[in-house]
Amino acid sequence: GDLVQPGGSLRLSCAASGFPFSLYDLR
């Protein structure tokens, strides 16, 4: 997360652990 100007782009990341990641839907 960050401050970005209108019209700009940003990429968010989410690191997961503690469950069989590849078998689950994420949102």
PDB file of all heavy atoms in Angstrom:
ATOM      1  N   GLY A   1       0.819  -1.201   0.000  1.00  0.00           N
ATOM      2  CA  GLY A   1       0.000   0.000   0.000  1.00  0.00           C
ATOM      3  C   GLY A   1       0.855   1.254   0.000  1.00  0.00           C
ATOM      4  O   GLY A   1       1.960   1.281   0.537  1.00  0.00           O
ATOM      5  N   ASP A   2       0.310   2.311  -0.601  1.00  0.00           N
ATOM      6  CA  ASP A   2       1.093   3.552  -0.734  1.00  0.00           C
ATOM      7  C   ASP A   2       0.173   4.692  -1.120  1.00  0.00           C
ATOM      8  O   ASP A   2      -1.035   4.493  -1.366  1.00  0.00           O
ATOM      9  CB  ASP A   2       2.174   3.353  -1.791  1.00  0.00           C
ATOM     10  CG  ASP A   2       3.367   4.264  -1.605  1.00  0.00           C
ATOM     11  OD1 ASP A   2       3.281   5.225  -0.807  1.00  0.00           O
ATOM     12  OD2 ASP A   2       4.401   4.020  -2.261  1.00  0.00           O
ATOM     13  N   LEU A   3       0.737   5.870  -1.205  1.00  0.00           N
ATOM     14  CA  LEU A   3       0.077   7.045  -1.756  1.00  0.00           C
ATOM     15  C   LEU A   3       0.396   7.087  -3.252  1.00  0.00           C
ATOM     16  O   LEU A   3       1.570   7.052  -3.637  1.00  0.00           O
ATOM     17  CB  LEU A   3       0.558   8.315  -1.069  1.00  0.00           C
ATOM     18  CG  LEU A   3       0.129   9.649  -1.672  1.00  0.00           C
ATOM     19  CD1 LEU A   3      -1.393   9.808  -1.583  1.00  0.00           C
ATOM     20  CD2 LEU A   3       0.832  10.799  -0.978  1.00  0.00           C
ATOM     21  N   VAL A   4      -0.642   7.181  -4.074  1.00  0.00           N
ATOM     22  CA  VAL A   4      -0.447   7.200  -5.519  1.00  0.00           C
ATOM     23  C   VAL A   4      -1.362   8.258  -6.130  1.00  0.00           C
ATOM     24  O   VAL A   4      -2.454   8.534  -5.600  1.00  0.00           O
ATOM     25  CB  VAL A   4      -0.711   5.800  -6.115  1.00  0.00           C
ATOM     26  CG1 VAL A   4      -2.142   5.354  -5.863  1.00  0.00           C
ATOM     27  CG2 VAL A   4      -0.369   5.739  -7.586  1.00  0.00           C
ATOM     28  N   GLN A   5      -0.920   8.840  -7.226  1.00  0.00           N
ATOM     29  CA  GLN A   5      -1.719   9.869  -7.881  1.00  0.00           C
ATOM     30  C   GLN A   5      -2.845   9.252  -8.701  1.00  0.00           C
ATOM     31  O   GLN A   5      -2.718   8.104  -9.174  1.00  0.00           O
ATOM     32  CB  GLN A   5      -0.827  10.707  -8.785  1.00  0.00           C
ATOM     33  CG  GLN A   5       0.164  11.572  -8.024  1.00  0.00           C
ATOM     34  CD  GLN A   5       0.833  12.601  -8.926  1.00  0.00           C
ATOM     35  OE1 GLN A   5       0.815  12.472 -10.142  1.00  0.00           O
ATOM     36  NE2 GLN A   5       1.410  13.621  -8.317  1.00  0.00           N
ATOM     37  N   PRO A   6      -3.924   9.971  -8.893  1.00  0.00           N
ATOM     38  CA  PRO A   6      -4.996   9.473  -9.759  1.00  0.00           C
ATOM     39  C   PRO A   6      -4.465   9.098 -11.136  1.00  0.00           C
ATOM     40  O   PRO A   6      -3.627   9.796 -11.706  1.00  0.00           O
ATOM     41  CB  PRO A   6      -5.961  10.664  -9.841  1.00  0.00           C
ATOM     42  CG  PRO A   6      -5.735  11.403  -8.573  1.00  0.00           C
ATOM     43  CD  PRO A   6      -4.264  11.280  -8.283  1.00  0.00           C
ATOM     44  N   GLY A   7      -4.943   7.964 -11.647  1.00  0.00           N
ATOM     45  CA  GLY A   7      -4.468   7.446 -12.918  1.00  0.00           C
ATOM     46  C   GLY A   7      -3.283   6.519 -12.795  1.00  0.00           C
ATOM     47  O   GLY A   7      -2.896   5.853 -13.773  1.00  0.00           O
ATOM     48  N   GLY A   8      -2.702   6.449 -11.614  1.00  0.00           N
ATOM     49  CA  GLY A   8      -1.524   5.614 -11.402  1.00  0.00           C
ATOM     50  C   GLY A   8      -1.858   4.165 -11.147  1.00  0.00           C
ATOM     51  O   GLY A   8      -3.022   3.748 -11.171  1.00  0.00           O
ATOM     52  N   SER A   9      -0.797   3.399 -10.892  1.00  0.00           N
ATOM     53  CA  SER A   9      -0.919   1.962 -10.652  1.00  0.00           C
ATOM     54  C   SER A   9      -0.211   1.583  -9.362  1.00  0.00           C
ATOM     55  O   SER A   9       0.688   2.290  -8.892  1.00  0.00           O
ATOM     56  CB  SER A   9      -0.299   1.174 -11.811  1.00  0.00           C
ATOM     57  OG  SER A   9      -0.986   1.402 -13.022  1.00  0.00           O
ATOM     58  N   LEU A  10      -0.626   0.440  -8.821  1.00  0.00           N
ATOM     59  CA  LEU A  10      -0.029  -0.077  -7.597  1.00  0.00           C
ATOM     60  C   LEU A  10      -0.230  -1.574  -7.579  1.00  0.00           C
ATOM     61  O   LEU A  10      -1.251  -2.074  -8.097  1.00  0.00           O
ATOM     62  CB  LEU A  10      -0.712   0.554  -6.393  1.00  0.00           C
ATOM     63  CG  LEU A  10       0.021   0.636  -5.060  1.00  0.00           C
ATOM     64  CD1 LEU A  10       1.325   1.417  -5.186  1.00  0.00           C
ATOM     65  CD2 LEU A  10      -0.877   1.293  -4.017  1.00  0.00           C
ATOM     66  N   ARG A  11       0.743  -2.299  -7.017  1.00  0.00           N
ATOM     67  CA  ARG A  11       0.576  -3.739  -6.855  1.00  0.00           C
ATOM     68  C   ARG A  11       0.668  -4.100  -5.379  1.00  0.00           C
ATOM     69  O   ARG A  11       1.666  -3.805  -4.728  1.00  0.00           O
ATOM     70  CB  ARG A  11       1.614  -4.527  -7.654  1.00  0.00           C
ATOM     71  CG  ARG A  11       1.304  -6.027  -7.662  1.00  0.00           C
ATOM     72  CD  ARG A  11       2.237  -6.832  -8.540  1.00  0.00           C
ATOM     73  NE  ARG A  11       3.431  -7.250  -7.820  1.00  0.00           N
ATOM     74  CZ  ARG A  11       4.089  -8.391  -8.065  1.00  0.00           C
ATOM     75  NH1 ARG A  11       3.640  -9.219  -8.991  1.00  0.00           N
ATOM     76  NH2 ARG A  11       5.186  -8.690  -7.390  1.00  0.00           N
ATOM     77  N   LEU A  12      -0.370  -4.748  -4.895  1.00  0.00           N
ATOM     78  CA  LEU A  12      -0.401  -5.230  -3.519  1.00  0.00           C
ATOM     79  C   LEU A  12       0.008  -6.702  -3.486  1.00  0.00           C
ATOM     80  O   LEU A  12      -0.231  -7.437  -4.446  1.00  0.00           O
ATOM     81  CB  LEU A  12      -1.797  -5.086  -2.920  1.00  0.00           C
ATOM     82  CG  LEU A  12      -2.418  -3.693  -2.979  1.00  0.00           C
ATOM     83  CD1 LEU A  12      -3.791  -3.715  -2.299  1.00  0.00           C
ATOM     84  CD2 LEU A  12      -1.520  -2.671  -2.349  1.00  0.00           C
ATOM     85  N   SER A  13       0.583  -7.091  -2.359  1.00  0.00           N
ATOM     86  CA  SER A  13       0.987  -8.485  -2.157  1.00  0.00           C
ATOM     87  C   SER A  13       0.388  -9.003  -0.870  1.00  0.00           C
ATOM     88  O   SER A  13       0.137  -8.235   0.068  1.00  0.00           O
ATOM     89  CB  SER A  13       2.516  -8.595  -2.073  1.00  0.00           C
ATOM     90  OG  SER A  13       3.137  -8.120  -3.242  1.00  0.00           O
ATOM     91  N   CYS A  14       0.178 -10.311  -0.824  1.00  0.00           N
ATOM     92  CA  CYS A  14      -0.300 -10.959   0.395  1.00  0.00           C
ATOM     93  C   CYS A  14       0.450 -12.268   0.563  1.00  0.00           C
ATOM     94  O   CYS A  14       0.374 -13.149  -0.306  1.00  0.00           O
ATOM     95  CB  CYS A  14      -1.803 -11.210   0.319  1.00  0.00           C
ATOM     96  SG  CYS A  14      -2.461 -12.188   1.692  1.00  0.00           S
ATOM     97  N   ALA A  15       1.177 -12.374   1.663  1.00  0.00           N
ATOM     98  CA  ALA A  15       1.918 -13.599   1.985  1.00  0.00           C
ATOM     99  C   ALA A  15       1.071 -14.463   2.902  1.00  0.00           C
ATOM    100  O   ALA A  15       0.594 -13.978   3.935  1.00  0.00           O
ATOM    101  CB  ALA A  15       3.238 -13.249   2.651  1.00  0.00           C
ATOM    102  N   ALA A  16       0.888 -15.725   2.528  1.00  0.00           N
ATOM    103  CA  ALA A  16       0.012 -16.621   3.276  1.00  0.00           C
ATOM    104  C   ALA A  16       0.802 -17.774   3.876  1.00  0.00           C
ATOM    105  O   ALA A  16       1.802 -18.227   3.299  1.00  0.00           O
ATOM    106  CB  ALA A  16      -1.081 -17.160   2.355  1.00  0.00           C
ATOM    107  N   SER A  17       0.325 -18.263   5.015  1.00  0.00           N
ATOM    108  CA  SER A  17       0.953 -19.419   5.648  1.00  0.00           C
ATOM    109  C   SER A  17      -0.047 -20.118   6.549  1.00  0.00           C
ATOM    110  O   SER A  17      -1.079 -19.547   6.912  1.00  0.00           O
ATOM    111  CB  SER A  17       2.183 -18.992   6.455  1.00  0.00           C
ATOM    112  OG  SER A  17       1.831 -18.078   7.464  1.00  0.00           O
ATOM    113  N   GLY A  18       0.245 -21.384   6.884  1.00  0.00           N
ATOM    114  CA  GLY A  18      -0.570 -22.102   7.852  1.00  0.00           C
ATOM    115  C   GLY A  18      -1.705 -22.925   7.285  1.00  0.00           C
ATOM    116  O   GLY A  18      -2.521 -23.466   8.048  1.00  0.00           O
ATOM    117  N   PHE A  19      -1.799 -23.017   5.961  1.00  0.00           N
ATOM    118  CA  PHE A  19      -2.839 -23.835   5.335  1.00  0.00           C
ATOM    119  C   PHE A  19      -2.327 -24.265   3.955  1.00  0.00           C
ATOM    120  O   PHE A  19      -1.368 -23.692   3.438  1.00  0.00           O
ATOM    121  CB  PHE A  19      -4.159 -23.055   5.222  1.00  0.00           C
ATOM    122  CG  PHE A  19      -4.108 -21.846   4.330  1.00  0.00           C
ATOM    123  CD1 PHE A  19      -4.581 -21.893   3.032  1.00  0.00           C
ATOM    124  CD2 PHE A  19      -3.602 -20.641   4.803  1.00  0.00           C
ATOM    125  CE1 PHE A  19      -4.536 -20.777   2.204  1.00  0.00           C
ATOM    126  CE2 PHE A  19      -3.534 -19.525   3.996  1.00  0.00           C
ATOM    127  CZ  PHE A  19      -4.001 -19.585   2.688  1.00  0.00           C
ATOM    128  N   PRO A  20      -2.965 -25.283   3.359  1.00  0.00           N
ATOM    129  CA  PRO A  20      -2.507 -25.764   2.044  1.00  0.00           C
ATOM    130  C   PRO A  20      -2.888 -24.786   0.941  1.00  0.00           C
ATOM    131  O   PRO A  20      -3.927 -24.924   0.271  1.00  0.00           O
ATOM    132  CB  PRO A  20      -3.228 -27.107   1.903  1.00  0.00           C
ATOM    133  CG  PRO A  20      -4.389 -27.028   2.810  1.00  0.00           C
ATOM    134  CD  PRO A  20      -3.999 -26.138   3.947  1.00  0.00           C
ATOM    135  N   PHE A  21      -2.046 -23.834   0.748  1.00  0.00           N
ATOM    136  CA  PHE A  21      -2.318 -22.643  -0.061  1.00  0.00           C
ATOM    137  C   PHE A  21      -2.884 -22.967  -1.437  1.00  0.00           C
ATOM    138  O   PHE A  21      -3.865 -22.366  -1.866  1.00  0.00           O
ATOM    139  CB  PHE A  21      -1.020 -21.851  -0.200  1.00  0.00           C
ATOM    140  CG  PHE A  21      -1.145 -20.603  -1.010  1.00  0.00           C
ATOM    141  CD1 PHE A  21      -1.564 -19.420  -0.421  1.00  0.00           C
ATOM    142  CD2 PHE A  21      -0.811 -20.591  -2.353  1.00  0.00           C
ATOM    143  CE1 PHE A  21      -1.675 -18.257  -1.160  1.00  0.00           C
ATOM    144  CE2 PHE A  21      -0.907 -19.444  -3.106  1.00  0.00           C
ATOM    145  CZ  PHE A  21      -1.347 -18.256  -2.512  1.00  0.00           C
ATOM    146  N   SER A  22      -2.270 -23.887  -2.144  1.00  0.00           N
ATOM    147  CA  SER A  22      -2.646 -24.143  -3.538  1.00  0.00           C
ATOM    148  C   SER A  22      -4.049 -24.718  -3.679  1.00  0.00           C
ATOM    149  O   SER A  22      -4.601 -24.741  -4.786  1.00  0.00           O
ATOM    150  CB  SER A  22      -1.634 -25.084  -4.193  1.00  0.00           C
ATOM    151  OG  SER A  22      -1.660 -26.350  -3.563  1.00  0.00           O
ATOM    152  N   LEU A  23      -4.647 -25.173  -2.596  1.00  0.00           N
ATOM    153  CA  LEU A  23      -5.963 -25.811  -2.653  1.00  0.00           C
ATOM    154  C   LEU A  23      -7.111 -24.860  -2.339  1.00  0.00           C
ATOM    155  O   LEU A  23      -8.272 -25.268  -2.404  1.00  0.00           O
ATOM    156  CB  LEU A  23      -6.017 -26.983  -1.663  1.00  0.00           C
ATOM    157  CG  LEU A  23      -4.979 -28.088  -1.853  1.00  0.00           C
ATOM    158  CD1 LEU A  23      -5.179 -29.177  -0.806  1.00  0.00           C
ATOM    159  CD2 LEU A  23      -5.049 -28.672  -3.258  1.00  0.00           C
ATOM    160  N   TYR A  24      -6.783 -23.627  -2.025  1.00  0.00           N
ATOM    161  CA  TYR A  24      -7.804 -22.705  -1.522  1.00  0.00           C
ATOM    162  C   TYR A  24      -7.971 -21.469  -2.384  1.00  0.00           C
ATOM    163  O   TYR A  24      -7.007 -20.963  -2.971  1.00  0.00           O
ATOM    164  CB  TYR A  24      -7.482 -22.306  -0.079  1.00  0.00           C
ATOM    165  CG  TYR A  24      -7.902 -23.377   0.877  1.00  0.00           C
ATOM    166  CD1 TYR A  24      -7.127 -24.514   1.063  1.00  0.00           C
ATOM    167  CD2 TYR A  24      -9.119 -23.281   1.561  1.00  0.00           C
ATOM    168  CE1 TYR A  24      -7.543 -25.525   1.893  1.00  0.00           C
ATOM    169  CE2 TYR A  24      -9.540 -24.295   2.403  1.00  0.00           C
ATOM    170  CZ  TYR A  24      -8.751 -25.415   2.563  1.00  0.00           C
ATOM    171  OH  TYR A  24      -9.165 -26.419   3.386  1.00  0.00           O
ATOM    172  N   ASP A  25      -9.230 -20.995  -2.403  1.00  0.00           N
ATOM    173  CA  ASP A  25      -9.543 -19.709  -3.033  1.00  0.00           C
ATOM    174  C   ASP A  25      -9.091 -18.593  -2.095  1.00  0.00           C
ATOM    175  O   ASP A  25      -9.235 -18.703  -0.862  1.00  0.00           O
ATOM    176  CB  ASP A  25     -11.054 -19.569  -3.247  1.00  0.00           C
ATOM    177  CG  ASP A  25     -11.630 -20.662  -4.128  1.00  0.00           C
ATOM    178  OD1 ASP A  25     -10.868 -21.436  -4.715  1.00  0.00           O
ATOM    179  OD2 ASP A  25     -12.878 -20.721  -4.219  1.00  0.00           O
ATOM    180  N   LEU A  26      -8.588 -17.526  -2.658  1.00  0.00           N
ATOM    181  CA  LEU A  26      -8.233 -16.348  -1.876  1.00  0.00           C
ATOM    182  C   LEU A  26      -8.875 -15.112  -2.469  1.00  0.00           C
ATOM    183  O   LEU A  26      -9.209 -15.093  -3.668  1.00  0.00           O
ATOM    184  CB  LEU A  26      -6.714 -16.179  -1.789  1.00  0.00           C
ATOM    185  CG  LEU A  26      -6.069 -17.180  -0.841  1.00  0.00           C
ATOM    186  CD1 LEU A  26      -5.382 -18.288  -1.619  1.00  0.00           C
ATOM    187  CD2 LEU A  26      -5.098 -16.497   0.097  1.00  0.00           C
ATOM    188  N   ARG A  27      -9.042 -14.122  -1.658  1.00  0.00           N
ATOM    189  CA  ARG A  27      -9.779 -12.926  -2.058  1.00  0.00           C
ATOM    190  C   ARG A  27      -9.092 -11.668  -1.562  1.00  0.00           C
ATOM    191  O   ARG A  27      -8.353 -11.688  -0.575  1.00  0.00           O
ATOM    192  CB  ARG A  27     -11.210 -12.969  -1.483  1.00  0.00           C
ATOM    193  CG  ARG A  27     -12.000 -14.167  -1.947  1.00  0.00           C
ATOM    194  CD  ARG A  27     -13.231 -14.391  -1.073  1.00  0.00           C
ATOM    195  NE  ARG A  27     -13.854 -15.669  -1.398  1.00  0.00           N
ATOM    196  CZ  ARG A  27     -13.468 -16.831  -0.897  1.00  0.00           C
ATOM    197  NH1 ARG A  27     -12.451 -16.890  -0.025  1.00  0.00           N
ATOM    198  NH2 ARG A  27     -14.073 -17.953  -1.261  1.00  0.00           N
TER     199      ARG A  27
END
